[in-house]
Amino acid sequence: MVEPHAEHDVPKSPPDDPSPGVDSIIAELERHVDALESGELPLEEALARFEAGVRLARQGTGMLDALEQRVEMLLADGQQTEPFATEEDGAFDPDEP
């Protein structure tokens, strides 16, 4: 019997890895921001959530930096890497394969 393919066939972190992924960090950070923006938190809780948000932002930035380095290493073949083209810089053509 053939097992159905996992969505995008992306390898997951080992189950014993206790560190959260980038997506879960972003989701938790958004929860803190929503609570802070509500304006209904007592000052001490607002400060605690702000501190947690700063920690999460730093952790997420570090993880994204590490992921970017991995991508650059994978793409490196003795040549300089170039940043991805974006719509803003005019070099991006969504119809180009």
N, C-alpha and C. Protein backbone atom coordinates (compact mmCIF):
# COMPACT_ATOMS: atom_id res chain seq x y z
N MET A 1 0.84 -1.18 0.00
CA MET A 1 0.00 0.00 0.00
C MET A 1 0.89 1.24 0.00
N VAL A 2 0.55 2.22 -0.80
CA VAL A 2 1.33 3.45 -0.91
C VAL A 2 0.81 4.46 0.09
N GLU A 3 1.73 5.03 0.86
CA GLU A 3 1.33 6.04 1.84
C GLU A 3 1.14 7.37 1.14
N PRO A 4 0.15 8.15 1.57
CA PRO A 4 -0.02 9.47 0.96
C PRO A 4 1.18 10.35 1.30
N HIS A 5 1.52 11.22 0.36
CA HIS A 5 2.66 12.11 0.56
C HIS A 5 2.32 13.18 1.58
N ALA A 6 3.27 13.49 2.43
CA ALA A 6 3.09 14.60 3.36
C ALA A 6 3.06 15.89 2.55
N GLU A 7 2.38 16.89 3.09
CA GLU A 7 2.27 18.15 2.38
C GLU A 7 3.66 18.70 2.09
N HIS A 8 3.97 18.92 0.84
CA HIS A 8 5.23 19.46 0.33
C HIS A 8 6.43 18.57 0.61
N ASP A 9 6.25 17.41 1.20
CA ASP A 9 7.34 16.49 1.50
C ASP A 9 8.52 17.19 2.18
N VAL A 10 8.24 18.07 3.12
CA VAL A 10 9.28 18.80 3.84
C VAL A 10 9.68 17.99 5.06
N PRO A 11 10.98 17.71 5.21
CA PRO A 11 11.40 16.97 6.39
C PRO A 11 11.13 17.78 7.65
N LYS A 12 10.70 17.11 8.67
CA LYS A 12 10.40 17.76 9.94
C LYS A 12 11.60 17.65 10.86
N SER A 13 11.61 18.50 11.90
CA SER A 13 12.64 18.39 12.92
C SER A 13 12.43 17.09 13.67
N PRO A 14 13.48 16.54 14.23
CA PRO A 14 13.29 15.33 15.02
C PRO A 14 12.30 15.58 16.15
N PRO A 15 11.49 14.58 16.51
CA PRO A 15 10.47 14.80 17.53
C PRO A 15 11.05 15.15 18.89
N ASP A 16 12.31 14.79 19.16
CA ASP A 16 12.88 15.11 20.45
C ASP A 16 13.50 16.51 20.48
N ASP A 17 13.35 17.28 19.40
CA ASP A 17 13.87 18.63 19.34
C ASP A 17 12.90 19.56 20.06
N PRO A 18 13.27 20.10 21.22
CA PRO A 18 12.35 20.92 21.99
C PRO A 18 12.21 22.35 21.49
N SER A 19 13.08 22.79 20.58
CA SER A 19 13.02 24.18 20.13
C SER A 19 11.85 24.38 19.17
N PRO A 20 11.14 25.50 19.33
CA PRO A 20 10.01 25.78 18.44
C PRO A 20 10.50 26.20 17.07
N GLY A 21 9.65 26.02 16.07
CA GLY A 21 9.99 26.44 14.72
C GLY A 21 9.65 27.90 14.51
N VAL A 22 10.07 28.43 13.38
CA VAL A 22 9.83 29.83 13.06
C VAL A 22 8.33 30.13 13.06
N ASP A 23 7.53 29.24 12.48
CA ASP A 23 6.09 29.48 12.41
C ASP A 23 5.46 29.58 13.79
N SER A 24 5.87 28.72 14.71
CA SER A 24 5.29 28.78 16.05
C SER A 24 5.76 30.02 16.80
N ILE A 25 6.99 30.46 16.55
CA ILE A 25 7.48 31.69 17.17
C ILE A 25 6.68 32.88 16.67
N ILE A 26 6.43 32.93 15.37
CA ILE A 26 5.65 34.03 14.80
C ILE A 26 4.23 34.03 15.37
N ALA A 27 3.63 32.86 15.47
CA ALA A 27 2.27 32.77 16.01
C ALA A 27 2.22 33.25 17.46
N GLU A 28 3.20 32.83 18.26
CA GLU A 28 3.22 33.26 19.67
C GLU A 28 3.47 34.77 19.76
N LEU A 29 4.36 35.27 18.94
CA LEU A 29 4.64 36.70 18.93
C LEU A 29 3.38 37.49 18.55
N GLU A 30 2.62 36.99 17.58
CA GLU A 30 1.38 37.66 17.19
C GLU A 30 0.36 37.67 18.33
N ARG A 31 0.32 36.58 19.11
CA ARG A 31 -0.60 36.55 20.27
C ARG A 31 -0.22 37.64 21.28
N HIS A 32 1.08 37.80 21.53
CA HIS A 32 1.52 38.84 22.46
C HIS A 32 1.19 40.23 21.92
N VAL A 33 1.42 40.46 20.64
CA VAL A 33 1.13 41.76 20.04
C VAL A 33 -0.37 42.06 20.12
N ASP A 34 -1.21 41.07 19.80
CA ASP A 34 -2.66 41.28 19.87
C ASP A 34 -3.09 41.66 21.29
N ALA A 35 -2.53 40.96 22.29
CA ALA A 35 -2.88 41.25 23.68
C ALA A 35 -2.43 42.66 24.06
N LEU A 36 -1.23 43.04 23.64
CA LEU A 36 -0.72 44.37 23.95
C LEU A 36 -1.54 45.46 23.26
N GLU A 37 -1.92 45.21 22.01
CA GLU A 37 -2.69 46.20 21.26
C GLU A 37 -4.11 46.36 21.78
N SER A 38 -4.60 45.37 22.52
CA SER A 38 -5.96 45.47 23.06
C SER A 38 -6.07 46.61 24.07
N GLY A 39 -4.95 46.94 24.73
CA GLY A 39 -4.96 48.01 25.72
C GLY A 39 -5.64 47.64 27.02
N GLU A 40 -5.96 46.37 27.21
CA GLU A 40 -6.70 45.94 28.40
C GLU A 40 -5.84 45.23 29.43
N LEU A 41 -4.53 45.16 29.22
CA LEU A 41 -3.66 44.43 30.14
C LEU A 41 -3.20 45.35 31.26
N PRO A 42 -3.08 44.79 32.47
CA PRO A 42 -2.44 45.55 33.54
C PRO A 42 -0.98 45.82 33.17
N LEU A 43 -0.41 46.85 33.72
CA LEU A 43 0.94 47.27 33.36
C LEU A 43 1.96 46.15 33.51
N GLU A 44 1.94 45.42 34.60
CA GLU A 44 2.92 44.35 34.82
C GLU A 44 2.80 43.25 33.78
N GLU A 45 1.57 42.87 33.44
CA GLU A 45 1.39 41.83 32.42
C GLU A 45 1.80 42.35 31.04
N ALA A 46 1.51 43.61 30.76
CA ALA A 46 1.92 44.19 29.48
C ALA A 46 3.44 44.19 29.36
N LEU A 47 4.13 44.54 30.44
CA LEU A 47 5.59 44.54 30.42
C LEU A 47 6.13 43.13 30.24
N ALA A 48 5.54 42.16 30.92
CA ALA A 48 5.97 40.76 30.79
C ALA A 48 5.77 40.27 29.35
N ARG A 49 4.65 40.62 28.75
CA ARG A 49 4.40 40.21 27.36
C ARG A 49 5.35 40.91 26.40
N PHE A 50 5.65 42.18 26.68
CA PHE A 50 6.60 42.91 25.84
C PHE A 50 7.98 42.24 25.91
N GLU A 51 8.42 41.90 27.12
CA GLU A 51 9.72 41.23 27.28
C GLU A 51 9.74 39.89 26.55
N ALA A 52 8.65 39.13 26.68
CA ALA A 52 8.57 37.85 25.98
C ALA A 52 8.60 38.06 24.47
N GLY A 53 7.94 39.10 24.00
CA GLY A 53 7.93 39.41 22.57
C GLY A 53 9.31 39.76 22.05
N VAL A 54 10.06 40.53 22.83
CA VAL A 54 11.43 40.88 22.43
C VAL A 54 12.28 39.62 22.34
N ARG A 55 12.15 38.73 23.33
CA ARG A 55 12.91 37.46 23.30
C ARG A 55 12.53 36.63 22.07
N LEU A 56 11.23 36.53 21.80
CA LEU A 56 10.77 35.77 20.64
C LEU A 56 11.27 36.38 19.33
N ALA A 57 11.23 37.69 19.23
CA ALA A 57 11.70 38.36 18.01
C ALA A 57 13.18 38.08 17.79
N ARG A 58 13.96 38.15 18.85
CA ARG A 58 15.40 37.87 18.72
C ARG A 58 15.64 36.42 18.35
N GLN A 59 14.89 35.51 18.98
CA GLN A 59 15.04 34.09 18.67
C GLN A 59 14.65 33.82 17.21
N GLY A 60 13.54 34.40 16.78
CA GLY A 60 13.10 34.21 15.39
C GLY A 60 14.09 34.78 14.40
N THR A 61 14.65 35.95 14.71
CA THR A 61 15.65 36.56 13.82
C THR A 61 16.87 35.66 13.71
N GLY A 62 17.30 35.11 14.83
CA GLY A 62 18.45 34.20 14.80
C GLY A 62 18.18 32.96 13.96
N MET A 63 16.97 32.42 14.10
CA MET A 63 16.61 31.24 13.32
C MET A 63 16.55 31.57 11.83
N LEU A 64 15.97 32.71 11.49
CA LEU A 64 15.89 33.09 10.08
C LEU A 64 17.28 33.34 9.50
N ASP A 65 18.17 33.95 10.29
CA ASP A 65 19.55 34.15 9.83
C ASP A 65 20.23 32.81 9.56
N ALA A 66 20.02 31.85 10.46
CA ALA A 66 20.62 30.52 10.28
C ALA A 66 20.06 29.83 9.04
N LEU A 67 18.75 29.96 8.82
CA LEU A 67 18.14 29.37 7.63
C LEU A 67 18.68 30.03 6.36
N GLU A 68 18.85 31.33 6.40
CA GLU A 68 19.40 32.04 5.23
C GLU A 68 20.81 31.55 4.93
N GLN A 69 21.61 31.34 5.96
CA GLN A 69 22.97 30.83 5.75
C GLN A 69 22.94 29.44 5.14
N ARG A 70 22.01 28.60 5.58
CA ARG A 70 21.89 27.25 5.01
C ARG A 70 21.54 27.32 3.53
N VAL A 71 20.61 28.21 3.18
CA VAL A 71 20.21 28.36 1.78
C VAL A 71 21.41 28.83 0.96
N GLU A 72 22.14 29.81 1.47
CA GLU A 72 23.31 30.31 0.75
C GLU A 72 24.35 29.21 0.56
N MET A 73 24.54 28.37 1.57
CA MET A 73 25.50 27.27 1.45
C MET A 73 25.04 26.27 0.40
N LEU A 74 23.74 25.98 0.37
CA LEU A 74 23.22 25.03 -0.60
C LEU A 74 23.34 25.55 -2.03
N LEU A 75 23.19 26.85 -2.18
CA LEU A 75 23.25 27.43 -3.52
C LEU A 75 24.67 27.74 -3.96
N ALA A 76 25.59 27.79 -3.03
CA ALA A 76 26.97 28.14 -3.36
C ALA A 76 27.63 27.02 -4.14
N ASP A 77 28.18 27.37 -5.26
CA ASP A 77 28.93 26.40 -6.05
C ASP A 77 30.20 27.07 -6.55
N GLY A 78 30.81 27.84 -5.66
CA GLY A 78 32.01 28.55 -6.01
C GLY A 78 31.74 29.92 -6.60
N GLN A 79 30.47 30.26 -6.75
CA GLN A 79 30.11 31.57 -7.29
C GLN A 79 29.48 32.40 -6.19
N GLN A 80 29.44 33.68 -6.43
CA GLN A 80 28.78 34.59 -5.49
C GLN A 80 27.27 34.36 -5.56
N THR A 81 26.61 34.42 -4.41
CA THR A 81 25.15 34.33 -4.41
C THR A 81 24.59 35.72 -4.64
N GLU A 82 23.40 35.77 -5.21
CA GLU A 82 22.73 37.03 -5.46
C GLU A 82 21.40 37.01 -4.75
N PRO A 83 20.95 38.17 -4.27
CA PRO A 83 19.65 38.21 -3.60
C PRO A 83 18.53 37.86 -4.58
N PHE A 84 17.42 37.35 -4.03
CA PHE A 84 16.27 37.04 -4.86
C PHE A 84 15.72 38.32 -5.47
N ALA A 85 15.24 38.23 -6.70
CA ALA A 85 14.62 39.37 -7.36
C ALA A 85 13.23 39.58 -6.76
N THR A 86 12.86 40.83 -6.59
CA THR A 86 11.54 41.15 -6.05
C THR A 86 10.80 42.04 -7.04
N GLU A 87 9.51 42.17 -6.82
CA GLU A 87 8.71 43.03 -7.68
C GLU A 87 9.15 44.48 -7.53
N GLU A 88 9.59 44.88 -6.32
CA GLU A 88 9.97 46.26 -6.07
C GLU A 88 11.18 46.68 -6.88
N ASP A 89 12.14 45.79 -7.09
CA ASP A 89 13.34 46.19 -7.82
C ASP A 89 13.18 46.08 -9.33
N GLY A 90 12.02 45.64 -9.80
CA GLY A 90 11.73 45.60 -11.22
C GLY A 90 12.33 44.42 -11.96
N ALA A 91 13.10 43.58 -11.28
CA ALA A 91 13.75 42.44 -11.93
C ALA A 91 12.91 41.18 -11.86
N PHE A 92 11.79 41.25 -11.21
CA PHE A 92 10.95 40.08 -10.99
C PHE A 92 9.90 39.99 -12.09
N ASP A 93 9.83 38.84 -12.76
CA ASP A 93 8.82 38.60 -13.78
C ASP A 93 8.07 37.34 -13.39
N PRO A 94 6.83 37.46 -12.85
CA PRO A 94 6.10 36.28 -12.38
C PRO A 94 5.76 35.30 -13.49
N ASP A 95 5.80 35.74 -14.75
CA ASP A 95 5.48 34.83 -15.86
C ASP A 95 6.70 34.07 -16.35
N GLU A 96 7.87 34.45 -15.89
CA GLU A 96 9.10 33.79 -16.31
C GLU A 96 9.31 32.52 -15.50
N PRO A 97 9.64 31.38 -16.15
CA PRO A 97 9.81 30.13 -15.40
C PRO A 97 11.03 30.12 -14.54
